[in-house]
């Protein structure tokens, strides 16, 4: 039964620590070969399997990966997309600052050993510069309206774009639902409620004739609708689509 239990323990450790090479059960280091130690799990393990002169974590050392001779304390950390921790320190990322703005490239990462311990803990510890080719883009930059994430907060043009309305006739008034755009975006206006977005002459304040009643004139109001008003005589349509009330002249008797 004891042997079966030891085998089960070894199998479990293979699953939990796949990078560790185990040989046999033990109670003290003397039960193992000269280059092995007796781990806390009572199995023998290589003390320095990768030959980098650093003792493995399983044997009480500080080599975070005893099967990779390029990973050990004091080694130079390299900025790499594989998030390899060369110096066994998850807080050092291999500082790379190609644009010279003083912030490390966000592509420089290490796995975060505290990931999962708290909802705020990220899976990786990374540099803070989201664009290491532009010195004006970093966590201290001021957000501008330019379709870029200038301050590296994960949002584009946040708090700098404004509500605007599509303005087909470029008369300063648009129609439809407002959308967030950079100020001055071509084809959009800050004001909405255009009564006719295909006619530059018709916007709030303009007047047109009522096609169904020649004695009525329709005024485009600030809500984008038409308010009917009576003409004294008749409404006269203009070539640009607007209209005005004309008062007929009365001939004087001779």
Protein backbone atom coordinates (compact mmCIF):
# COMPACT_ATOMS: atom_id res chain seq x y z
CA UNK A 1 0.00 0.00 0.00
CA UNK A 2 2.86 2.39 0.87
CA UNK A 3 4.50 1.81 -2.52
CA UNK A 4 1.21 2.43 -4.34
CA UNK A 5 0.73 5.67 -2.39
CA UNK A 6 4.24 6.81 -3.30
CA UNK A 7 3.57 6.07 -6.96
CA UNK A 8 0.39 8.09 -6.82
CA UNK A 9 2.28 10.99 -5.28
CA UNK A 10 4.92 10.85 -8.01
CA UNK A 11 2.24 10.77 -10.72
CA UNK A 12 0.52 13.78 -9.18
CA UNK A 13 3.79 15.69 -9.05
CA UNK A 14 4.45 14.93 -12.71
CA UNK A 15 1.11 16.57 -13.53
CA UNK A 16 1.65 19.53 -11.18
CA UNK A 17 5.35 20.09 -11.92
CA UNK A 18 6.00 18.75 -15.45
CA UNK A 19 9.42 20.45 -15.64
CA UNK A 20 10.82 18.45 -12.68
CA UNK A 21 12.52 15.13 -13.22
CA UNK A 22 11.74 12.67 -10.39
CA UNK A 23 13.54 9.43 -9.79
CA UNK A 24 12.49 7.71 -6.57
CA UNK A 25 10.75 8.15 -3.22
CA UNK A 26 12.80 9.47 -0.31
CA UNK A 27 12.71 10.86 3.19
CA UNK A 28 16.13 12.59 3.32
CA UNK A 29 18.66 13.76 0.73
CA UNK A 30 20.78 10.71 1.52
CA UNK A 31 18.14 8.54 -0.12
CA UNK A 32 18.85 10.19 -3.47
CA UNK A 33 21.78 10.29 -5.87
CA UNK A 34 24.52 12.83 -5.30
CA UNK A 35 23.14 15.37 -7.75
CA UNK A 36 19.60 15.07 -6.41
CA UNK A 37 17.68 16.30 -3.38
CA UNK A 38 14.73 14.95 -1.45
CA UNK A 39 11.89 17.37 -2.10
CA UNK A 40 9.10 18.37 0.25
CA UNK A 41 6.96 15.82 -1.57
CA UNK A 42 9.44 13.06 -0.56
CA UNK A 43 10.69 12.29 -4.03
CA UNK A 44 14.16 12.71 -5.47
CA UNK A 45 14.68 15.51 -7.98
CA UNK A 46 17.65 16.94 -9.89
CA UNK A 47 19.19 19.92 -8.13
CA UNK A 48 20.57 21.44 -11.34
CA UNK A 49 19.12 19.67 -14.35
CA UNK A 50 19.99 22.44 -16.84
CA UNK A 51 23.60 22.84 -15.71
CA UNK A 52 23.41 26.60 -15.15
CA UNK A 53 24.88 26.29 -11.62
CA UNK A 54 21.63 27.42 -9.97
CA UNK A 55 19.67 25.08 -7.72
CA UNK A 56 16.08 24.29 -8.66
CA UNK A 57 13.12 25.59 -6.69
CA UNK A 58 12.16 22.02 -5.85
CA UNK A 59 15.45 21.62 -4.03
CA UNK A 60 15.18 24.93 -2.18
CA UNK A 61 17.11 26.97 -4.74
CA UNK A 62 16.09 29.99 -6.81
CA UNK A 63 16.23 28.66 -10.39
CA UNK A 64 12.69 29.27 -11.68
CA UNK A 65 13.13 26.86 -14.60
CA UNK A 66 15.67 24.13 -14.02
CA UNK A 67 15.21 22.76 -17.53
CA UNK A 68 16.23 26.01 -19.27
CA UNK A 69 19.83 27.12 -18.82
CA UNK A 70 18.92 30.61 -20.07
CA UNK A 71 16.64 31.22 -17.10
CA UNK A 72 18.24 31.89 -13.72
CA UNK A 73 18.58 34.73 -11.17
CA UNK A 74 20.84 37.51 -12.39
CA UNK A 75 20.53 36.68 -16.07
CA UNK A 76 19.85 39.63 -18.39
CA UNK A 77 16.11 40.06 -18.92
CA UNK A 78 15.08 40.27 -22.57
CA UNK A 79 11.98 41.93 -24.03
CA UNK A 80 10.30 39.10 -25.91
CA UNK A 81 6.83 38.33 -27.20
CA UNK A 82 6.99 34.89 -25.57
CA UNK A 83 6.92 36.50 -22.08
CA UNK A 84 9.94 34.45 -20.93
CA UNK A 85 11.25 35.45 -17.51
CA UNK A 86 15.00 35.16 -18.10
CA UNK A 87 16.13 36.47 -14.69
CA UNK A 88 13.47 34.69 -12.57
CA UNK A 89 12.06 38.06 -11.50
CA UNK A 90 8.52 38.69 -12.82
CA UNK A 91 8.82 42.44 -12.15
CA UNK A 92 11.68 43.00 -14.61
CA UNK A 93 10.47 43.04 -18.20
CA UNK A 94 13.53 43.65 -20.35
CA UNK A 95 13.18 47.44 -20.71
CA UNK A 96 12.88 48.50 -24.35
CA UNK A 97 12.15 52.10 -25.32
CA UNK A 98 12.48 52.49 -29.07
CA UNK A 99 10.81 55.92 -29.22
CA UNK A 100 12.80 57.41 -26.34
CA UNK A 101 9.80 58.61 -24.32
CA UNK A 102 10.96 56.95 -21.11
CA UNK A 103 8.33 54.18 -21.09
CA UNK A 104 8.92 50.51 -21.79
CA UNK A 105 7.28 48.79 -24.74
CA UNK A 106 4.01 47.06 -23.80
CA UNK A 107 5.25 44.04 -25.79
CA UNK A 108 7.79 43.39 -23.00
CA UNK A 109 5.98 41.02 -20.64
CA UNK A 110 6.42 38.36 -17.97
CA UNK A 111 3.82 36.01 -16.58
CA UNK A 112 2.31 37.39 -13.37
CA UNK A 113 2.74 34.88 -10.53
CA UNK A 114 -0.14 36.56 -8.66
CA UNK A 115 -2.61 36.12 -11.53
CA UNK A 116 -5.86 34.68 -10.21
CA UNK A 117 -5.23 35.70 -6.62
CA UNK A 118 -7.32 38.84 -7.09
CA UNK A 119 -9.63 40.06 -9.89
CA UNK A 120 -7.39 43.08 -10.48
CA UNK A 121 -4.26 40.98 -11.06
CA UNK A 122 -3.44 40.74 -14.81
CA UNK A 123 -2.21 37.56 -16.41
CA UNK A 124 0.99 39.32 -17.49
CA UNK A 125 3.16 42.13 -16.16
CA UNK A 126 3.97 44.30 -19.17
CA UNK A 127 5.51 47.63 -20.14
CA UNK A 128 3.23 50.66 -20.24
CA UNK A 129 3.93 52.13 -23.69
CA UNK A 130 1.17 50.94 -26.06
CA UNK A 131 3.00 52.35 -29.10
CA UNK A 132 6.77 52.25 -28.75
CA UNK A 133 7.31 53.82 -32.17
CA UNK A 134 5.69 57.18 -31.31
CA UNK A 135 7.18 59.28 -28.50
CA UNK A 136 3.95 61.29 -28.13
CA UNK A 137 1.98 58.15 -27.20
CA UNK A 138 2.40 56.87 -23.63
CA UNK A 139 0.57 56.77 -20.30
CA UNK A 140 1.38 60.43 -19.56
CA UNK A 141 0.31 61.81 -22.95
CA UNK A 142 -2.76 64.00 -23.40
CA UNK A 143 -5.54 62.37 -25.39
CA UNK A 144 -6.16 64.07 -28.73
CA UNK A 145 -8.97 63.55 -31.22
CA UNK A 146 -7.05 61.66 -33.90
CA UNK A 147 -8.40 58.07 -33.94
CA UNK A 148 -5.48 56.98 -31.71
CA UNK A 149 -5.15 55.92 -28.09
CA UNK A 150 -2.67 58.65 -27.11
CA UNK A 151 -2.67 58.01 -23.36
CA UNK A 152 -2.60 54.18 -23.59
CA UNK A 153 -5.74 53.67 -21.50
CA UNK A 154 -7.29 51.31 -24.03
CA UNK A 155 -9.82 53.84 -25.39
CA UNK A 156 -9.58 55.87 -28.61
CA UNK A 157 -10.43 59.59 -28.48
CA UNK A 158 -12.15 59.24 -25.09
CA UNK A 159 -13.42 62.52 -23.58
CA UNK A 160 -12.27 64.60 -26.55
CA UNK A 161 -14.76 63.79 -29.29
CA UNK A 162 -18.15 65.52 -29.35
CA UNK A 163 -21.67 64.71 -30.53
CA UNK A 164 -22.18 65.69 -34.16
CA UNK A 165 -24.79 65.18 -36.86
CA UNK A 166 -24.39 64.12 -40.48
CA UNK A 167 -24.73 67.27 -42.59
CA UNK A 168 -25.21 66.35 -46.25
CA UNK A 169 -25.75 69.89 -47.54
CA UNK A 170 -23.05 71.52 -45.35
CA UNK A 171 -25.37 74.25 -44.08
CA UNK A 172 -24.24 73.91 -40.46
CA UNK A 173 -27.23 71.76 -39.48
CA UNK A 174 -27.38 67.98 -39.66
CA UNK A 175 -30.07 65.35 -39.31
CA UNK A 176 -30.53 62.00 -37.59
CA UNK A 177 -29.04 60.66 -34.39
CA UNK A 178 -25.89 62.33 -33.14
CA UNK A 179 -22.65 60.35 -33.02
CA UNK A 180 -19.31 61.04 -31.35
CA UNK A 181 -16.79 62.51 -33.76
CA UNK A 182 -13.72 64.71 -33.64
CA UNK A 183 -14.60 68.42 -33.89
CA UNK A 184 -14.40 69.60 -37.48
CA UNK A 185 -14.99 66.18 -39.04
CA UNK A 186 -15.92 66.67 -42.72
CA UNK A 187 -19.60 66.01 -43.43
CA UNK A 188 -20.74 66.58 -39.85
CA UNK A 189 -22.04 69.56 -37.89
CA UNK A 190 -22.39 70.32 -34.20
CA UNK A 191 -26.05 71.32 -34.68
CA UNK A 192 -28.88 69.00 -35.62
CA UNK A 193 -32.55 69.44 -36.52
CA UNK A 194 -32.14 70.41 -40.16
CA UNK A 195 -35.54 70.43 -41.86
CA UNK A 196 -34.06 69.48 -45.26
CA UNK A 197 -30.54 68.12 -45.40
CA UNK A 198 -30.50 68.14 -49.19
CA UNK A 199 -31.00 71.90 -49.50
CA UNK A 200 -28.40 74.28 -48.12
CA UNK A 201 -30.95 77.12 -48.06
CA UNK A 202 -33.41 75.30 -45.80
CA UNK A 203 -32.46 75.12 -42.12
CA UNK A 204 -33.92 76.46 -38.86
CA UNK A 205 -35.30 79.94 -39.55
CA UNK A 206 -35.87 79.39 -43.27
CA UNK A 207 -39.37 79.49 -44.80
CA UNK A 208 -40.96 77.47 -47.59
CA UNK A 209 -44.35 77.62 -49.24
CA UNK A 210 -47.03 75.11 -48.36
CA UNK A 211 -47.58 73.11 -51.54
CA UNK A 212 -51.16 72.42 -50.49
CA UNK A 213 -52.13 75.96 -49.54
CA UNK A 214 -50.78 79.03 -51.39
CA UNK A 215 -51.85 81.24 -48.50
CA UNK A 216 -49.68 79.41 -45.95
CA UNK A 217 -45.94 79.54 -45.34
CA UNK A 218 -44.00 76.93 -43.36
CA UNK A 219 -41.21 78.03 -41.02
CA UNK A 220 -38.41 75.56 -40.17
CA UNK A 221 -38.08 75.68 -36.39
CA UNK A 222 -35.19 74.74 -34.04
CA UNK A 223 -36.66 71.27 -33.52
CA UNK A 224 -36.34 70.35 -37.20
CA UNK A 225 -40.05 70.65 -37.93
CA UNK A 226 -42.22 73.09 -39.85
CA UNK A 227 -44.54 75.58 -38.19
CA UNK A 228 -47.38 76.82 -40.45
CA UNK A 229 -48.12 80.53 -40.62
CA UNK A 230 -50.72 82.38 -42.70
CA UNK A 231 -49.75 84.81 -45.42
CA UNK A 232 -51.76 88.00 -45.84
CA UNK A 233 -52.07 87.20 -49.51
CA UNK A 234 -49.98 84.38 -50.94
CA UNK A 235 -46.66 82.57 -50.60
CA UNK A 236 -44.20 83.00 -53.45
CA UNK A 237 -41.76 80.07 -54.04
CA UNK A 238 -38.10 80.93 -54.72
CA UNK A 239 -35.62 79.12 -56.99
CA UNK A 240 -33.61 77.87 -54.00
CA UNK A 241 -36.64 76.14 -52.49
CA UNK A 242 -37.54 78.78 -49.92
CA UNK A 243 -40.55 81.08 -50.08
CA UNK A 244 -41.90 84.38 -48.80
CA UNK A 245 -45.28 85.95 -48.21
CA UNK A 246 -46.15 88.50 -50.85
CA UNK A 247 -48.73 91.16 -50.18
CA UNK A 248 -50.61 92.09 -53.35
CA UNK A 249 -50.60 95.69 -54.31
CA UNK A 250 -53.97 97.40 -54.71
CA UNK A 251 -54.26 99.73 -57.67
CA UNK A 252 -55.44 103.20 -56.82
CA UNK A 253 -58.56 104.45 -58.59
CA UNK A 254 -57.98 107.28 -61.07
